[in-house]
Amino acid sequence: MQAKKPSESRTIMTDMVLPSETNPLNNLFGGELLARMDRAASIAARRHSRRITVTASVNHVAFNQSVPVGSVLTVEAAVSRAFTTSMEVYIDVWMEDRYNGKRSKANEAIYTFVAVDETGKPTEVPPLEPESALEKERFDAALRRKQLSLVLAGKMKPKEATELRALFME
């Protein structure tokens, strides 16, 4: 299977925050943001695998900044690492200030998707070949995050988590 680059999966979704999507403080509901991120990440995973993809986990979400009604919100997702049948997708959320147009990073998340065939059985995905420094950093960190998840779930012995252990042995 031929490797793909993160740019081949990059998905950018831009939309405005409407009053019906906000809480009593007129900020975007967290659940609405999660849904937007899930859609963008799903498209990125599908672009990488060219398969049906399902959300396996939401590994990390950071609600760093409130997103007020009327803001223009851009969700950018790209596969950061591919494993045998799963893909980690890194999501950056950008907010455009409605008054001055200045863009700032509002949130980020990391989701995991699994590629499945028409019967729902996990199926192999192409490897990922990162290019930029940021892509390489996210690629390397994805393996450590996966190892940590497996150790915490009891599916890997801590001494087998070599990449994770290396962080503490330096």
C-alpha atoms as a PDB file:
ATOM      1  CA  MET A   1       0.000   0.000   0.000  1.00  0.00           C
ATOM      2  CA  GLN A   2       1.450   3.356  -1.025  1.00  0.00           C
ATOM      3  CA  ALA A   3       2.063   5.959   1.690  1.00  0.00           C
ATOM      4  CA  LYS A   4       0.104   9.199   1.654  1.00  0.00           C
ATOM      5  CA  LYS A   5       0.960  12.666   2.882  1.00  0.00           C
ATOM      6  CA  PRO A   6      -1.054  14.545   5.533  1.00  0.00           C
ATOM      7  CA  SER A   7      -1.894  17.190   2.932  1.00  0.00           C
ATOM      8  CA  GLU A   8      -3.865  14.577   0.991  1.00  0.00           C
ATOM      9  CA  SER A   9      -6.291  14.231   3.900  1.00  0.00           C
ATOM     10  CA  ARG A  10      -6.437  17.908   4.917  1.00  0.00           C
ATOM     11  CA  THR A  11     -10.009  19.047   5.401  1.00  0.00           C
ATOM     12  CA  ILE A  12     -11.021  22.645   6.049  1.00  0.00           C
ATOM     13  CA  MET A  13     -14.564  23.549   7.069  1.00  0.00           C
ATOM     14  CA  THR A  14     -15.558  27.176   7.655  1.00  0.00           C
ATOM     15  CA  ASP A  15     -18.881  28.283   9.073  1.00  0.00           C
ATOM     16  CA  MET A  16     -20.443  31.033  11.144  1.00  0.00           C
ATOM     17  CA  VAL A  17     -21.619  30.534  14.735  1.00  0.00           C
ATOM     18  CA  LEU A  18     -25.378  31.141  14.815  1.00  0.00           C
ATOM     19  CA  PRO A  19     -27.537  32.075  17.832  1.00  0.00           C
ATOM     20  CA  SER A  20     -29.258  28.652  17.885  1.00  0.00           C
ATOM     21  CA  GLU A  21     -25.833  27.009  18.431  1.00  0.00           C
ATOM     22  CA  THR A  22     -24.905  28.995  21.517  1.00  0.00           C
ATOM     23  CA  ASN A  23     -25.338  28.763  25.269  1.00  0.00           C
ATOM     24  CA  PRO A  24     -26.873  31.463  27.549  1.00  0.00           C
ATOM     25  CA  LEU A  25     -23.542  33.345  27.412  1.00  0.00           C
ATOM     26  CA  ASN A  26     -23.840  33.515  23.606  1.00  0.00           C
ATOM     27  CA  ASN A  27     -20.837  31.216  23.100  1.00  0.00           C
ATOM     28  CA  LEU A  28     -20.785  28.117  20.904  1.00  0.00           C
ATOM     29  CA  PHE A  29     -21.967  24.963  22.700  1.00  0.00           C
ATOM     30  CA  GLY A  30     -19.075  22.550  23.313  1.00  0.00           C
ATOM     31  CA  GLY A  31     -21.127  19.706  21.860  1.00  0.00           C
ATOM     32  CA  GLU A  32     -21.692  21.667  18.657  1.00  0.00           C
ATOM     33  CA  LEU A  33     -17.954  22.191  18.333  1.00  0.00           C
ATOM     34  CA  LEU A  34     -17.331  18.469  18.973  1.00  0.00           C
ATOM     35  CA  ALA A  35     -19.757  17.598  16.180  1.00  0.00           C
ATOM     36  CA  ARG A  36     -18.055  19.985  13.747  1.00  0.00           C
ATOM     37  CA  MET A  37     -14.652  18.553  14.627  1.00  0.00           C
ATOM     38  CA  ASP A  38     -15.970  14.994  14.243  1.00  0.00           C
ATOM     39  CA  ARG A  39     -17.301  15.729  10.753  1.00  0.00           C
ATOM     40  CA  ALA A  40     -14.061  17.342   9.582  1.00  0.00           C
ATOM     41  CA  ALA A  41     -11.955  14.545  11.099  1.00  0.00           C
ATOM     42  CA  SER A  42     -14.173  11.906   9.520  1.00  0.00           C
ATOM     43  CA  ILE A  43     -13.682  13.434   6.083  1.00  0.00           C
ATOM     44  CA  ALA A  44      -9.902  13.598   6.638  1.00  0.00           C
ATOM     45  CA  ALA A  45      -9.810   9.927   7.699  1.00  0.00           C
ATOM     46  CA  ARG A  46     -11.891   8.920   4.704  1.00  0.00           C
ATOM     47  CA  ARG A  47      -9.659  10.888   2.333  1.00  0.00           C
ATOM     48  CA  HIS A  48      -6.630   9.071   3.722  1.00  0.00           C
ATOM     49  CA  SER A  49      -8.088   5.565   3.776  1.00  0.00           C
ATOM     50  CA  ARG A  50     -10.640   5.777   0.946  1.00  0.00           C
ATOM     51  CA  ARG A  51     -12.832   3.634   3.180  1.00  0.00           C
ATOM     52  CA  ILE A  52     -15.814   4.088   5.453  1.00  0.00           C
ATOM     53  CA  THR A  53     -14.482   5.419   8.746  1.00  0.00           C
ATOM     54  CA  VAL A  54     -15.925   5.359  12.230  1.00  0.00           C
ATOM     55  CA  THR A  55     -14.948   7.396  15.267  1.00  0.00           C
ATOM     56  CA  ALA A  56     -13.101   5.112  17.677  1.00  0.00           C
ATOM     57  CA  SER A  57     -12.222   7.683  20.319  1.00  0.00           C
ATOM     58  CA  VAL A  58     -11.912  11.321  21.162  1.00  0.00           C
ATOM     59  CA  ASN A  59      -8.446  11.290  22.685  1.00  0.00           C
ATOM     60  CA  HIS A  60      -8.007  14.931  23.555  1.00  0.00           C
ATOM     61  CA  VAL A  61     -10.077  18.085  23.390  1.00  0.00           C
ATOM     62  CA  ALA A  62      -8.966  21.503  24.565  1.00  0.00           C
ATOM     63  CA  PHE A  63     -11.599  24.218  24.838  1.00  0.00           C
ATOM     64  CA  ASN A  64      -9.040  27.007  25.154  1.00  0.00           C
ATOM     65  CA  GLN A  65     -11.152  29.937  24.061  1.00  0.00           C
ATOM     66  CA  SER A  66     -14.868  30.682  23.998  1.00  0.00           C
ATOM     67  CA  VAL A  67     -16.320  31.165  20.534  1.00  0.00           C
ATOM     68  CA  PRO A  68     -18.927  33.962  20.539  1.00  0.00           C
ATOM     69  CA  VAL A  69     -22.011  34.104  18.358  1.00  0.00           C
ATOM     70  CA  GLY A  70     -21.277  35.628  14.959  1.00  0.00           C
ATOM     71  CA  SER A  71     -17.693  34.363  14.869  1.00  0.00           C
ATOM     72  CA  VAL A  72     -16.364  32.702  11.765  1.00  0.00           C
ATOM     73  CA  LEU A  73     -15.009  29.313  12.800  1.00  0.00           C
ATOM     74  CA  THR A  74     -12.590  27.239  10.724  1.00  0.00           C
ATOM     75  CA  VAL A  75     -11.970  23.597  11.578  1.00  0.00           C
ATOM     76  CA  GLU A  76      -8.832  22.123  10.008  1.00  0.00           C
ATOM     77  CA  ALA A  77      -8.261  18.359  10.229  1.00  0.00           C
ATOM     78  CA  ALA A  78      -5.557  16.080   8.839  1.00  0.00           C
ATOM     79  CA  VAL A  79      -4.393  12.547   9.536  1.00  0.00           C
ATOM     80  CA  SER A  80      -1.359  12.789  11.829  1.00  0.00           C
ATOM     81  CA  ARG A  81      -0.510   9.065  11.889  1.00  0.00           C
ATOM     82  CA  ALA A  82      -1.829   5.866  10.363  1.00  0.00           C
ATOM     83  CA  PHE A  83      -1.554   2.533  12.117  1.00  0.00           C
ATOM     84  CA  THR A  84      -2.773  -0.829  10.784  1.00  0.00           C
ATOM     85  CA  THR A  85      -6.505  -0.050  10.581  1.00  0.00           C
ATOM     86  CA  SER A  86      -6.727   3.154  12.596  1.00  0.00           C
ATOM     87  CA  MET A  87      -5.771   6.753  12.012  1.00  0.00           C
ATOM     88  CA  GLU A  88      -5.112   9.562  14.423  1.00  0.00           C
ATOM     89  CA  VAL A  89      -6.557  12.853  13.183  1.00  0.00           C
ATOM     90  CA  TYR A  90      -5.314  16.147  14.605  1.00  0.00           C
ATOM     91  CA  ILE A  91      -7.787  19.015  14.525  1.00  0.00           C
ATOM     92  CA  ASP A  92      -7.053  22.728  14.863  1.00  0.00           C
ATOM     93  CA  VAL A  93      -9.916  25.169  15.351  1.00  0.00           C
ATOM     94  CA  TRP A  94      -9.454  28.791  14.342  1.00  0.00           C
ATOM     95  CA  MET A  95     -11.715  31.692  15.184  1.00  0.00           C
ATOM     96  CA  GLU A  96     -11.943  34.870  13.177  1.00  0.00           C
ATOM     97  CA  ASP A  97     -12.799  37.900  15.274  1.00  0.00           C
ATOM     98  CA  ARG A  98     -16.043  39.334  13.963  1.00  0.00           C
ATOM     99  CA  TYR A  99     -14.910  42.936  14.411  1.00  0.00           C
ATOM    100  CA  ASN A 100     -11.284  43.061  13.255  1.00  0.00           C
ATOM    101  CA  GLY A 101     -10.954  39.830  11.237  1.00  0.00           C
ATOM    102  CA  LYS A 102      -7.958  38.684  13.283  1.00  0.00           C
ATOM    103  CA  ARG A 103      -7.599  34.912  13.327  1.00  0.00           C
ATOM    104  CA  SER A 104      -6.615  33.034  16.503  1.00  0.00           C
ATOM    105  CA  LYS A 105      -6.424  29.404  17.525  1.00  0.00           C
ATOM    106  CA  ALA A 106      -9.436  28.700  19.702  1.00  0.00           C
ATOM    107  CA  ASN A 107      -9.351  24.947  20.242  1.00  0.00           C
ATOM    108  CA  GLU A 108      -7.726  21.686  19.247  1.00  0.00           C
ATOM    109  CA  ALA A 109      -8.523  18.006  19.418  1.00  0.00           C
ATOM    110  CA  ILE A 110      -7.207  14.573  18.556  1.00  0.00           C
ATOM    111  CA  TYR A 111      -9.615  11.901  17.348  1.00  0.00           C
ATOM    112  CA  THR A 112      -9.006   8.287  16.340  1.00  0.00           C
ATOM    113  CA  PHE A 113     -10.863   6.703  13.439  1.00  0.00           C
ATOM    114  CA  VAL A 114     -10.956   3.128  12.213  1.00  0.00           C
ATOM    115  CA  ALA A 115     -11.409   2.241   8.556  1.00  0.00           C
ATOM    116  CA  VAL A 116     -13.994  -0.465   7.961  1.00  0.00           C
ATOM    117  CA  ASP A 117     -15.282  -2.428   4.985  1.00  0.00           C
ATOM    118  CA  GLU A 118     -18.939  -2.658   3.957  1.00  0.00           C
ATOM    119  CA  THR A 119     -19.602  -5.231   6.709  1.00  0.00           C
ATOM    120  CA  GLY A 120     -18.072  -3.083   9.441  1.00  0.00           C
ATOM    121  CA  LYS A 121     -14.875  -5.150   9.706  1.00  0.00           C
ATOM    122  CA  PRO A 122     -11.672  -3.110  10.271  1.00  0.00           C
ATOM    123  CA  THR A 123      -9.535  -2.889   7.158  1.00  0.00           C
ATOM    124  CA  GLU A 124      -5.964  -1.785   6.478  1.00  0.00           C
ATOM    125  CA  VAL A 125      -5.100   1.821   5.755  1.00  0.00           C
ATOM    126  CA  PRO A 126      -2.127   3.289   3.883  1.00  0.00           C
ATOM    127  CA  PRO A 127       0.863   4.449   5.933  1.00  0.00           C
ATOM    128  CA  LEU A 128       1.432   8.179   6.432  1.00  0.00           C
ATOM    129  CA  GLU A 129       4.509  10.060   5.293  1.00  0.00           C
ATOM    130  CA  PRO A 130       4.805  13.390   7.148  1.00  0.00           C
ATOM    131  CA  GLU A 131       6.634  16.249   5.433  1.00  0.00           C
ATOM    132  CA  SER A 132       6.721  19.418   7.537  1.00  0.00           C
ATOM    133  CA  ALA A 133       8.315  19.768  10.972  1.00  0.00           C
ATOM    134  CA  LEU A 134       4.872  20.064  12.585  1.00  0.00           C
ATOM    135  CA  GLU A 135       3.618  16.971  10.740  1.00  0.00           C
ATOM    136  CA  LYS A 136       6.683  15.016  11.901  1.00  0.00           C
ATOM    137  CA  GLU A 137       6.219  16.199  15.485  1.00  0.00           C
ATOM    138  CA  ARG A 138       2.553  15.141  15.481  1.00  0.00           C
ATOM    139  CA  PHE A 139       3.447  11.832  13.776  1.00  0.00           C
ATOM    140  CA  ASP A 140       6.014  10.949  16.457  1.00  0.00           C
ATOM    141  CA  ALA A 141       3.759  12.027  19.323  1.00  0.00           C
ATOM    142  CA  ALA A 142       0.896   9.909  17.958  1.00  0.00           C
ATOM    143  CA  LEU A 143       2.811   6.701  18.649  1.00  0.00           C
ATOM    144  CA  ARG A 144       3.486   7.778  22.243  1.00  0.00           C
ATOM    145  CA  ARG A 145      -0.200   8.643  22.705  1.00  0.00           C
ATOM    146  CA  LYS A 146      -1.219   5.253  21.303  1.00  0.00           C
ATOM    147  CA  GLN A 147       1.209   3.420  23.574  1.00  0.00           C
ATOM    148  CA  LEU A 148      -0.058   5.344  26.602  1.00  0.00           C
ATOM    149  CA  SER A 149      -3.640   4.491  25.707  1.00  0.00           C
ATOM    150  CA  LEU A 150      -2.781   0.800  25.317  1.00  0.00           C
ATOM    151  CA  VAL A 151      -0.896   0.724  28.630  1.00  0.00           C
ATOM    152  CA  LEU A 152      -3.775   2.416  30.464  1.00  0.00           C
ATOM    153  CA  ALA A 153      -6.250  -0.040  28.894  1.00  0.00           C
ATOM    154  CA  GLY A 154      -4.102  -2.980  29.994  1.00  0.00           C
ATOM    155  CA  LYS A 155      -3.462  -4.031  26.393  1.00  0.00           C
ATOM    156  CA  MET A 156       0.277  -3.332  26.509  1.00  0.00           C
ATOM    157  CA  LYS A 157       2.819  -3.837  29.262  1.00  0.00           C
ATOM    158  CA  PRO A 158       4.549  -0.589  30.287  1.00  0.00           C
ATOM    159  CA  LYS A 159       7.973  -2.039  29.517  1.00  0.00           C
ATOM    160  CA  GLU A 160       6.823  -2.670  25.916  1.00  0.00           C
ATOM    161  CA  ALA A 161       5.924   0.983  25.378  1.00  0.00           C
ATOM    162  CA  THR A 162       9.397   1.833  24.095  1.00  0.00           C
ATOM    163  CA  GLU A 163       8.596   5.226  22.581  1.00  0.00           C
ATOM    164  CA  LEU A 164       6.755   6.314  25.696  1.00  0.00           C
ATOM    165  CA  ARG A 165       9.477   5.036  28.013  1.00  0.00           C
ATOM    166  CA  ALA A 166      12.106   6.946  26.042  1.00  0.00           C
ATOM    167  CA  LEU A 167      10.531  10.209  27.216  1.00  0.00           C
ATOM    168  CA  PHE A 168      11.340   9.327  30.813  1.00  0.00           C
ATOM    169  CA  MET A 169      14.711   7.676  30.264  1.00  0.00           C
ATOM    170  CA  GLU A 170      16.502  10.623  28.656  1.00  0.00           C
END
